[in-house]
């Protein structure tokens, strides 16, 4: 997914947490607290993506790509 290109592992973790919170908020406002299960859907991730900013720049990504390639050659 292109929207996640410059997200670090911590960014992806925050994205998952935001999506889960969005799904939970929706569940609580629609049915209240109950024992039934709930699902994190695509639109929850889309909403979460609007709140998360990538912490890895294109320049940093290129640096680590080059570094990784240099270790493969060794």
N, C-alpha and C. Protein backbone atom coordinates (compact mmCIF):
# COMPACT_ATOMS: atom_id res chain seq x y z
N UNK A 1 0.85 -1.17 0.00
CA UNK A 1 0.00 0.00 0.00
C UNK A 1 0.90 1.23 0.00
N UNK A 2 0.75 2.07 -1.00
CA UNK A 2 1.59 3.27 -1.13
C UNK A 2 1.47 4.21 0.06
N UNK A 3 0.33 4.25 0.68
CA UNK A 3 0.12 5.17 1.80
C UNK A 3 1.04 4.83 2.98
N UNK A 4 1.55 3.61 3.01
CA UNK A 4 2.40 3.17 4.12
C UNK A 4 3.89 3.17 3.77
N UNK A 5 4.25 3.66 2.59
CA UNK A 5 5.63 3.58 2.12
C UNK A 5 6.66 4.11 3.11
N UNK A 6 6.44 5.24 3.70
CA UNK A 6 7.45 5.85 4.57
C UNK A 6 7.13 5.69 6.06
N UNK A 7 6.31 4.71 6.37
CA UNK A 7 5.99 4.47 7.78
C UNK A 7 7.01 3.52 8.39
N UNK A 8 7.47 3.87 9.57
CA UNK A 8 8.38 3.00 10.31
C UNK A 8 7.56 1.93 11.02
N UNK A 9 8.24 1.01 11.68
CA UNK A 9 7.54 0.01 12.47
C UNK A 9 6.69 0.65 13.56
N UNK A 10 7.21 1.68 14.20
CA UNK A 10 6.45 2.39 15.23
C UNK A 10 5.24 3.09 14.62
N UNK A 11 5.41 3.66 13.42
CA UNK A 11 4.30 4.30 12.73
C UNK A 11 3.20 3.28 12.41
N UNK A 12 3.60 2.09 11.96
CA UNK A 12 2.63 1.04 11.64
C UNK A 12 1.90 0.58 12.90
N UNK A 13 2.61 0.53 14.00
CA UNK A 13 1.98 0.18 15.27
C UNK A 13 0.94 1.23 15.66
N UNK A 14 1.30 2.49 15.50
CA UNK A 14 0.37 3.58 15.80
C UNK A 14 -0.84 3.52 14.87
N UNK A 15 -0.61 3.19 13.61
CA UNK A 15 -1.69 3.05 12.64
C UNK A 15 -2.67 1.96 13.08
N UNK A 16 -2.14 0.83 13.50
CA UNK A 16 -2.99 -0.27 13.97
C UNK A 16 -3.80 0.15 15.19
N UNK A 17 -3.14 0.83 16.12
CA UNK A 17 -3.84 1.29 17.32
C UNK A 17 -4.94 2.28 16.98
N UNK A 18 -4.66 3.22 16.09
CA UNK A 18 -5.66 4.21 15.68
C UNK A 18 -6.85 3.54 15.00
N UNK A 19 -6.58 2.58 14.13
CA UNK A 19 -7.65 1.86 13.43
C UNK A 19 -8.51 1.08 14.43
N UNK A 20 -7.86 0.44 15.39
CA UNK A 20 -8.59 -0.31 16.41
C UNK A 20 -9.46 0.62 17.25
N UNK A 21 -8.91 1.77 17.61
CA UNK A 21 -9.69 2.73 18.40
C UNK A 21 -10.88 3.26 17.60
N UNK A 22 -10.70 3.50 16.31
CA UNK A 22 -11.80 3.98 15.47
C UNK A 22 -12.91 2.93 15.41
N UNK A 23 -12.53 1.67 15.27
CA UNK A 23 -13.53 0.59 15.23
C UNK A 23 -14.23 0.44 16.57
N UNK A 24 -13.48 0.55 17.64
CA UNK A 24 -14.07 0.44 18.98
C UNK A 24 -15.02 1.59 19.26
N UNK A 25 -14.62 2.81 18.91
CA UNK A 25 -15.50 3.97 19.10
C UNK A 25 -16.80 3.78 18.33
N UNK A 26 -16.70 3.30 17.10
CA UNK A 26 -17.89 3.05 16.29
C UNK A 26 -18.79 2.01 16.95
N UNK A 27 -18.19 0.95 17.44
CA UNK A 27 -18.95 -0.12 18.10
C UNK A 27 -19.66 0.39 19.34
N UNK A 28 -18.96 1.16 20.15
CA UNK A 28 -19.54 1.66 21.40
C UNK A 28 -20.66 2.66 21.14
N UNK A 29 -20.52 3.49 20.12
CA UNK A 29 -21.56 4.49 19.85
C UNK A 29 -22.77 3.88 19.15
N UNK A 30 -22.58 2.77 18.45
CA UNK A 30 -23.71 2.17 17.73
C UNK A 30 -24.50 1.17 18.58
N UNK A 31 -23.82 0.42 19.43
CA UNK A 31 -24.52 -0.61 20.20
C UNK A 31 -24.26 -0.56 21.69
N UNK A 32 -23.35 0.29 22.12
CA UNK A 32 -22.99 0.30 23.52
C UNK A 32 -22.05 -0.85 23.84
N UNK A 33 -21.73 -0.99 25.10
CA UNK A 33 -20.82 -2.05 25.52
C UNK A 33 -21.56 -3.38 25.47
N UNK A 34 -20.97 -4.34 24.80
CA UNK A 34 -21.57 -5.67 24.72
C UNK A 34 -20.46 -6.70 24.56
N UNK A 35 -20.83 -7.93 24.64
CA UNK A 35 -19.87 -9.02 24.53
C UNK A 35 -19.63 -9.45 23.08
N UNK A 36 -20.35 -8.87 22.14
CA UNK A 36 -20.19 -9.28 20.74
C UNK A 36 -18.86 -8.79 20.19
N UNK A 37 -18.40 -9.48 19.17
CA UNK A 37 -17.12 -9.11 18.55
C UNK A 37 -17.31 -7.90 17.63
N UNK A 38 -16.20 -7.30 17.26
CA UNK A 38 -16.22 -6.17 16.33
C UNK A 38 -15.06 -6.32 15.37
N UNK A 39 -15.18 -5.67 14.24
CA UNK A 39 -14.22 -5.84 13.16
C UNK A 39 -13.58 -4.51 12.78
N UNK A 40 -12.27 -4.54 12.56
CA UNK A 40 -11.56 -3.37 12.04
C UNK A 40 -11.65 -3.47 10.52
N UNK A 41 -12.22 -2.44 9.90
CA UNK A 41 -12.46 -2.46 8.46
C UNK A 41 -11.56 -1.46 7.74
N UNK A 42 -11.57 -1.55 6.43
CA UNK A 42 -10.71 -0.70 5.60
C UNK A 42 -10.89 0.77 5.93
N UNK A 43 -12.12 1.22 6.09
CA UNK A 43 -12.33 2.64 6.35
C UNK A 43 -11.79 3.07 7.70
N UNK A 44 -11.65 2.14 8.65
CA UNK A 44 -11.02 2.47 9.93
C UNK A 44 -9.53 2.77 9.70
N UNK A 45 -8.90 1.97 8.83
CA UNK A 45 -7.49 2.22 8.49
C UNK A 45 -7.33 3.53 7.72
N UNK A 46 -8.27 3.80 6.83
CA UNK A 46 -8.20 5.06 6.08
C UNK A 46 -8.32 6.26 7.02
N UNK A 47 -9.21 6.15 7.99
CA UNK A 47 -9.35 7.22 8.99
C UNK A 47 -8.07 7.35 9.81
N UNK A 48 -7.49 6.22 10.20
CA UNK A 48 -6.25 6.22 10.98
C UNK A 48 -5.10 6.82 10.18
N UNK A 49 -5.03 6.50 8.88
CA UNK A 49 -3.96 7.05 8.03
C UNK A 49 -4.00 8.56 7.97
N UNK A 50 -5.18 9.14 8.10
CA UNK A 50 -5.29 10.60 8.07
C UNK A 50 -4.72 11.24 9.34
N UNK A 51 -4.53 10.43 10.38
CA UNK A 51 -4.00 10.94 11.65
C UNK A 51 -2.51 10.64 11.85
N UNK A 52 -1.95 9.75 11.04
CA UNK A 52 -0.56 9.31 11.20
C UNK A 52 0.31 9.98 10.15
N UNK A 53 1.44 10.52 10.59
CA UNK A 53 2.41 11.11 9.67
C UNK A 53 3.63 10.20 9.58
N UNK A 54 4.12 9.94 8.37
CA UNK A 54 5.32 9.10 8.23
C UNK A 54 6.52 9.74 8.92
N UNK A 55 7.30 8.93 9.59
CA UNK A 55 8.48 9.47 10.27
C UNK A 55 9.77 9.19 9.49
N UNK A 56 9.65 8.54 8.34
CA UNK A 56 10.81 8.23 7.51
C UNK A 56 10.70 9.04 6.22
N UNK A 57 11.72 9.84 5.94
CA UNK A 57 11.72 10.64 4.71
C UNK A 57 12.21 9.79 3.53
N UNK A 58 11.97 10.28 2.33
CA UNK A 58 12.47 9.58 1.13
C UNK A 58 14.00 9.50 1.16
N UNK A 59 14.63 10.56 1.66
CA UNK A 59 16.10 10.60 1.75
C UNK A 59 16.60 9.51 2.70
N UNK A 60 15.95 9.37 3.85
CA UNK A 60 16.35 8.34 4.81
C UNK A 60 16.12 6.94 4.23
N UNK A 61 15.02 6.77 3.56
CA UNK A 61 14.71 5.47 2.95
C UNK A 61 15.78 5.09 1.92
N UNK A 62 16.19 6.04 1.12
CA UNK A 62 17.23 5.80 0.12
C UNK A 62 18.56 5.46 0.80
N UNK A 63 18.90 6.18 1.88
CA UNK A 63 20.13 5.91 2.62
C UNK A 63 20.17 4.46 3.10
N UNK A 64 19.08 3.99 3.70
CA UNK A 64 19.05 2.63 4.23
C UNK A 64 18.99 1.59 3.12
N UNK A 65 18.41 1.94 1.98
CA UNK A 65 18.41 1.03 0.83
C UNK A 65 19.84 0.82 0.35
N UNK A 66 20.60 1.92 0.23
CA UNK A 66 22.01 1.84 -0.21
C UNK A 66 22.83 1.08 0.83
N UNK A 67 22.62 1.36 2.09
CA UNK A 67 23.33 0.66 3.16
C UNK A 67 23.05 -0.84 3.11
N UNK A 68 21.81 -1.20 2.93
CA UNK A 68 21.43 -2.60 2.84
C UNK A 68 22.11 -3.28 1.65
N UNK A 69 22.15 -2.61 0.52
CA UNK A 69 22.80 -3.17 -0.66
C UNK A 69 24.30 -3.35 -0.44
N UNK A 70 24.92 -2.43 0.31
CA UNK A 70 26.36 -2.55 0.56
C UNK A 70 26.68 -3.77 1.42
N UNK A 71 25.77 -4.14 2.33
CA UNK A 71 25.98 -5.33 3.14
C UNK A 71 25.77 -6.60 2.34
N UNK A 72 24.87 -6.56 1.37
CA UNK A 72 24.63 -7.73 0.52
C UNK A 72 25.85 -8.03 -0.34
N UNK A 73 26.56 -6.97 -0.74
CA UNK A 73 27.74 -7.13 -1.61
C UNK A 73 28.94 -7.67 -0.84
N UNK A 74 28.96 -7.48 0.47
CA UNK A 74 30.12 -7.87 1.28
C UNK A 74 30.23 -9.35 1.50
